[in-house]
Each structure stands twice: as structure tokens, then as C-alpha cells.
Amino acid sequence: MADSLPTGGISRKIFRSETVLVLALSLGASGVSALISFIGSLTKPGALKQQAATLNSSYAPGRPWLDLAWQLFGITTALVPVALVAHLLLREGAGLRAIGFDRTRPWPDLGRGTLIAAGIGSLGLAFYLGARGAGFNLTVVPESLPGVWWKFPVLILSAVQNAVLEEVIVVGYLLRRLGQLGWSPMGALVASSVLRGSYHLYQGVGGFVGNMAMGVVFVLLYRRWGRVGPLVVAHSLLDIGAFVGYALLAGKVGWLPTG
């Protein structure tokens, strides 16, 4: 039956509804927003590489303490969907441990995540520069915060927030729910990877394709290890490298586009 009870006495109809709601409150909505942004960029004069997408920008220029408060507020509220997922998994008697987001294996998670980041980081940078040079990508400006004392801590927190939000929802939670709803492993892999690519579409076609490819790799590794912990570590390191690296190198090296 379509609405049979897959686990914990919860019907598939409820699982479908909650999955749609979680995505609508988080990365699904981001995917729609990125699509609209991408379409808007196509209507602007000039090639995509001549346009810029700015991340981690100042909320209150000239008012650093108020700006810090807004930065921390934004990071905290962005993690509310993760808290919702934790609640929903606890309701079915599982919790975040069911998707491998816990502290039971910190060193293997750290080691594996570091290796993933080292492998993907160089390839990702080369792909971005190539896609931008070919006109398939906007110039991505990873940060434009003022030079205040909290700049680098906020960039690191933002990177970790991105990693936790994306890997818990797009990999751990979504794959678990799609499996419970009867999706095939291939169908779930495609759904997760396309979703990851969709909310990076604001960067251009290159951002979509590159992140979708990374999504395939992350799904396969998650299925091998049964844990999102290493993926959170890898994603955190990749974003820290992008955010902090840009802040340190922008305007100082010729190969790094600055918008």
C-alpha cells in the first residue's frame, strides 16, 4: 500500500509531507531562489563571468558590533532545519546517530573528511576557474566582510554551518526518507545530487554541474561508511579554504577572480 507504515508506526504520507516541508524551509527553497537568480543573471548584459555572486557580505556596514550580531543570528537561524530534522528522527526512535552525525567516531570522521577535502579541493578550484573562463560561471566572491577582529571566526562558523546544514539534510536525512518511501538507490542518488546542484545554480551552470558531481561522490561515500560525519568535516574544510583563502589572497594573486 502507498501509505503503509515504513517505520515507527509513521505512514509514508506523513514522511512525504515532512520531507517536502523540511526542504521548503531549507535547501529546497534555496534551490528555487538560486534558479530565479540564475535566470535573472541571463537577462543582464555581459557574459556570466563578468557578473559576480557575493557570499558572506556585511549586513550593517560601518556598525561592526551590530553587523556581528546579524552574522551570528543568520548562522544560528540557518541551522534551525537541522534541529527540526533531529526532532523528526528522534520521533521515529532514531536520532542523528542513525545518519552518522554524532561523536562516536571523531578521529575516523576527521581523517576521512580531510582526505576528501584534499582530493576535491584542488579539482573544484580548477573546475571553477575553467568554467568561469569558458563563460559558464559567474565570478564567486566568497566574502566581503570588513576587516574587523571577528571576520575570520565568522567565516569559519559560516563554513561549518553550511556543511552541517547541507550534509545532514541533503545526504543523511533525504536519503533515509527516500529509502523509507520506496525510492530506488539510483533515484535517491539523482535526487540528492540534483538538489545539491540546484541551490548552487546562482553561480552559473558550472556551479550546478560541479556541485552535482560532488553530490554523487558524497552519496556514494555516505553509503559506504553510513556516516555524514566525514562529509561534514570535508565540506567544512572546503568552505573554510574558500572563505578564508579568498580573504587572504584576493587582490594579491593574479589567478583569483575578484569580481
Protein backbone atom coordinates (compact mmCIF):
# COMPACT_ATOMS: atom_id res chain seq x y z
CA MET A 1 0.00 0.00 0.00
CA ALA A 2 1.20 3.51 -0.81
CA ASP A 3 0.62 4.74 2.74
CA SER A 4 1.81 1.68 4.65
CA LEU A 5 3.78 2.16 7.86
CA PRO A 6 7.51 2.05 6.95
CA THR A 7 8.90 2.56 10.45
CA GLY A 8 7.87 3.57 13.94
CA GLY A 9 4.17 3.50 13.06
CA ILE A 10 4.55 6.60 10.86
CA SER A 11 2.84 6.47 7.48
CA ARG A 12 4.52 7.18 4.18
CA LYS A 13 2.09 10.02 3.64
CA ILE A 14 3.44 11.74 6.75
CA PHE A 15 7.02 11.06 5.68
CA ARG A 16 6.33 12.59 2.28
CA SER A 17 4.74 15.67 3.82
CA GLU A 18 7.50 16.25 6.36
CA THR A 19 10.21 15.81 3.71
CA VAL A 20 8.61 18.44 1.49
CA LEU A 21 8.27 20.79 4.47
CA VAL A 22 11.89 20.33 5.56
CA LEU A 23 13.14 21.07 2.05
CA ALA A 24 10.75 24.01 1.65
CA LEU A 25 12.15 25.52 4.85
CA SER A 26 15.76 24.99 3.84
CA LEU A 27 17.67 23.92 0.75
CA GLY A 28 14.69 23.28 -1.50
CA ALA A 29 13.75 26.93 -1.14
CA SER A 30 17.39 27.85 -1.73
CA GLY A 31 17.28 25.87 -4.97
CA VAL A 32 14.27 27.84 -6.22
CA SER A 33 15.93 31.10 -5.16
CA ALA A 34 19.14 30.14 -6.99
CA LEU A 35 17.16 29.27 -10.13
CA ILE A 36 15.46 32.68 -10.10
CA SER A 37 18.83 34.36 -9.52
CA PHE A 38 20.37 32.41 -12.42
CA ILE A 39 17.55 33.34 -14.79
CA GLY A 40 17.98 36.95 -13.71
CA SER A 41 21.70 36.81 -14.49
CA LEU A 42 20.92 35.63 -18.03
CA THR A 43 18.86 38.76 -18.64
CA LYS A 44 21.71 41.08 -17.66
CA PRO A 45 24.11 42.40 -20.29
CA GLY A 46 27.55 40.83 -20.47
CA ALA A 47 28.88 37.31 -20.03
CA LEU A 48 28.31 35.37 -16.83
CA LYS A 49 31.99 35.63 -15.91
CA GLN A 50 31.63 39.42 -15.87
CA GLN A 51 28.96 39.18 -13.17
CA ALA A 52 29.53 38.36 -9.51
CA ALA A 53 27.79 36.37 -6.79
CA THR A 54 28.80 37.57 -3.34
CA LEU A 55 28.66 35.42 -0.20
CA ASN A 56 29.22 36.37 3.46
CA SER A 57 28.65 40.07 2.96
CA SER A 58 28.18 42.77 5.58
CA TYR A 59 24.67 43.25 6.97
CA ALA A 60 25.35 46.58 8.67
CA PRO A 61 28.30 48.36 7.04
CA GLY A 62 30.06 50.76 9.37
CA ARG A 63 28.47 49.24 12.51
CA PRO A 64 30.71 46.25 13.34
CA TRP A 65 29.01 45.13 16.58
CA LEU A 66 25.55 45.25 15.02
CA ASP A 67 26.96 43.50 11.96
CA LEU A 68 28.42 40.76 14.18
CA ALA A 69 25.04 40.26 15.85
CA TRP A 70 23.37 39.87 12.45
CA GLN A 71 26.05 37.47 11.23
CA LEU A 72 25.63 35.24 14.28
CA PHE A 73 21.85 35.48 14.02
CA GLY A 74 21.99 34.38 10.38
CA ILE A 75 24.28 31.44 11.12
CA THR A 76 22.15 30.28 14.05
CA THR A 77 18.78 30.51 12.32
CA ALA A 78 20.16 28.71 9.25
CA LEU A 79 20.67 25.66 11.47
CA VAL A 80 17.03 25.51 12.63
CA PRO A 81 16.14 23.00 9.86
CA VAL A 82 18.87 20.72 11.22
CA ALA A 83 17.27 20.90 14.67
CA LEU A 84 13.94 20.05 13.03
CA VAL A 85 15.50 17.02 11.32
CA ALA A 86 16.97 15.90 14.65
CA HIS A 87 13.49 16.15 16.20
CA LEU A 88 11.87 14.20 13.37
CA LEU A 89 14.48 11.45 13.57
CA LEU A 90 14.07 11.24 17.35
CA ARG A 91 10.32 10.92 16.87
CA GLU A 92 10.85 7.71 14.92
CA GLY A 93 13.23 6.42 17.58
CA ALA A 94 16.44 7.04 15.65
CA GLY A 95 18.06 10.45 16.16
CA LEU A 96 21.03 11.94 14.34
CA ARG A 97 23.12 8.90 15.23
CA ALA A 98 21.11 6.99 12.61
CA ILE A 99 22.76 9.08 9.87
CA GLY A 100 26.19 9.14 11.49
CA PHE A 101 26.17 12.68 12.80
CA ASP A 102 27.44 12.13 16.33
CA ARG A 103 30.66 11.97 18.33
CA THR A 104 31.15 8.20 18.37
CA ARG A 105 33.92 8.18 15.74
CA PRO A 106 35.60 11.61 15.77
CA TRP A 107 39.05 10.63 14.54
CA PRO A 108 37.97 8.44 11.60
CA ASP A 109 35.49 11.16 10.60
CA LEU A 110 38.22 13.81 10.78
CA GLY A 111 40.73 11.72 8.86
CA ARG A 112 38.34 10.71 6.11
CA GLY A 113 36.95 14.21 5.82
CA THR A 114 40.42 15.70 5.48
CA LEU A 115 41.30 13.27 2.69
CA ILE A 116 38.05 14.05 0.85
CA ALA A 117 38.68 17.79 1.12
CA ALA A 118 42.24 17.42 -0.16
CA GLY A 119 41.04 15.41 -3.16
CA ILE A 120 38.05 17.57 -4.08
CA GLY A 121 39.53 20.97 -3.21
CA SER A 122 42.12 21.18 -5.97
CA LEU A 123 39.79 19.67 -8.57
CA GLY A 124 36.98 22.01 -7.53
CA LEU A 125 39.15 25.12 -7.84
CA ALA A 126 40.41 24.05 -11.27
CA PHE A 127 36.85 23.32 -12.41
CA TYR A 128 35.61 26.70 -11.17
CA LEU A 129 38.38 28.63 -12.90
CA GLY A 130 37.83 26.66 -16.10
CA ALA A 131 34.05 27.10 -16.02
CA ARG A 132 34.40 30.83 -15.38
CA GLY A 133 36.96 31.18 -18.15
CA ALA A 134 34.59 29.40 -20.55
CA GLY A 135 31.75 31.75 -19.57
CA PHE A 136 29.64 29.18 -17.72
CA ASN A 137 30.07 30.67 -14.26
CA LEU A 138 29.65 33.98 -12.51
CA THR A 139 32.59 35.25 -10.51
CA VAL A 140 32.07 33.94 -6.99
CA VAL A 141 33.13 36.36 -4.25
CA PRO A 142 33.23 34.14 -1.14
CA GLU A 143 33.34 37.02 1.32
CA SER A 144 33.18 40.80 1.53
CA LEU A 145 33.24 41.38 5.26
CA PRO A 146 35.03 44.39 6.74
CA GLY A 147 38.47 43.94 8.27
CA VAL A 148 37.30 43.58 11.87
CA TRP A 149 38.51 41.21 14.59
CA TRP A 150 35.59 38.80 14.20
CA LYS A 151 35.92 38.40 10.43
CA PHE A 152 37.76 35.07 10.35
CA PRO A 153 35.83 33.43 13.23
CA VAL A 154 32.57 34.32 11.48
CA LEU A 155 33.83 32.96 8.16
CA ILE A 156 34.77 29.67 9.86
CA LEU A 157 31.41 29.45 11.63
CA SER A 158 29.64 30.16 8.35
CA ALA A 159 31.59 27.38 6.65
CA VAL A 160 30.70 24.87 9.38
CA GLN A 161 27.04 25.95 9.28
CA ASN A 162 26.91 25.37 5.52
CA ALA A 163 28.46 21.94 5.93
CA VAL A 164 26.15 20.79 8.72
CA LEU A 165 23.01 22.07 7.00
CA GLU A 166 23.79 20.57 3.61
CA GLU A 167 25.17 17.19 4.61
CA VAL A 168 22.61 16.44 7.31
CA ILE A 169 19.65 17.36 5.10
CA VAL A 170 20.75 16.63 1.52
CA VAL A 171 22.57 13.39 2.28
CA GLY A 172 21.66 11.84 5.62
CA TYR A 173 18.04 12.88 6.05
CA LEU A 174 16.95 12.92 2.41
CA LEU A 175 18.46 9.53 1.55
CA ARG A 176 16.91 7.99 4.66
CA ARG A 177 13.48 9.37 3.88
CA LEU A 178 13.57 8.50 0.18
CA GLY A 179 14.60 4.96 1.08
CA GLN A 180 11.68 4.70 3.51
CA LEU A 181 9.38 5.98 0.78
CA GLY A 182 10.46 3.21 -1.57
CA TRP A 183 12.78 5.13 -3.88
CA SER A 184 15.47 3.13 -5.68
CA PRO A 185 19.11 3.78 -4.68
CA MET A 186 19.78 5.36 -8.08
CA GLY A 187 16.70 7.57 -7.89
CA ALA A 188 17.68 8.78 -4.42
CA LEU A 189 21.25 9.47 -5.57
CA VAL A 190 19.99 11.54 -8.51
CA ALA A 191 17.53 13.46 -6.33
CA SER A 192 20.17 14.31 -3.71
CA SER A 193 22.79 15.31 -6.28
CA VAL A 194 20.42 17.45 -8.38
CA LEU A 195 19.19 19.19 -5.23
CA ARG A 196 22.78 19.99 -4.24
CA GLY A 197 23.46 21.37 -7.68
CA SER A 198 20.22 23.37 -7.76
CA TYR A 199 20.97 25.65 -4.82
CA HIS A 200 24.38 26.45 -6.32
CA LEU A 201 22.84 27.48 -9.64
CA TYR A 202 23.17 31.15 -8.65
CA GLN A 203 26.87 30.66 -9.52
CA GLY A 204 26.02 29.61 -13.07
CA VAL A 205 25.96 26.33 -14.99
CA GLY A 206 29.44 25.45 -13.73
CA GLY A 207 28.31 25.75 -10.11
CA PHE A 208 25.36 23.48 -10.82
CA VAL A 209 27.37 20.78 -12.60
CA GLY A 210 30.34 20.86 -10.24
CA ASN A 211 28.25 20.60 -7.09
CA MET A 212 26.03 17.92 -8.59
CA ALA A 213 29.15 15.86 -9.32
CA MET A 214 30.34 16.40 -5.74
CA GLY A 215 26.90 15.29 -4.60
CA VAL A 216 27.30 11.97 -6.40
CA VAL A 217 30.65 11.38 -4.69
CA PHE A 218 29.25 12.31 -1.27
CA VAL A 219 26.25 9.99 -1.64
CA LEU A 220 28.49 7.08 -2.61
CA LEU A 221 30.81 7.73 0.33
CA TYR A 222 27.87 8.04 2.71
CA ARG A 223 26.55 4.68 1.55
CA ARG A 224 29.97 3.14 2.01
CA TRP A 225 30.55 4.49 5.52
CA GLY A 226 27.00 5.07 6.76
CA ARG A 227 28.03 8.40 8.27
CA VAL A 228 27.64 12.06 7.36
CA GLY A 229 30.37 12.98 9.86
CA PRO A 230 33.23 12.73 7.33
CA LEU A 231 31.19 14.68 4.79
CA VAL A 232 30.57 17.50 7.28
CA VAL A 233 34.31 17.65 8.00
CA ALA A 234 35.19 17.68 4.30
CA HIS A 235 32.60 20.32 3.43
CA SER A 236 33.68 22.48 6.37
CA LEU A 237 37.33 22.35 5.29
CA LEU A 238 36.43 23.12 1.67
CA ASP A 239 34.37 26.16 2.63
CA ILE A 240 36.90 27.37 5.19
CA GLY A 241 39.55 27.15 2.49
CA ALA A 242 37.35 29.10 0.07
CA PHE A 243 36.23 31.79 2.51
CA VAL A 244 39.44 32.34 4.43
CA GLY A 245 41.64 31.72 1.40
CA TYR A 246 39.79 34.36 -0.59
CA ALA A 247 40.03 36.84 2.29
CA LEU A 248 43.79 36.35 2.44
CA LEU A 249 44.57 36.16 -1.29
CA ALA A 250 42.04 38.40 -3.06
CA GLY A 251 43.87 41.16 -4.92
CA LYS A 252 47.26 39.60 -4.16
CA VAL A 253 47.38 36.83 -6.78
CA GLY A 254 46.54 37.25 -10.43
CA TRP A 255 44.75 33.93 -10.97
CA LEU A 256 41.99 34.56 -8.41
CA PRO A 257 38.97 36.44 -9.84
CA THR A 258 37.73 39.19 -7.55
CA GLY A 259 34.55 40.31 -9.30
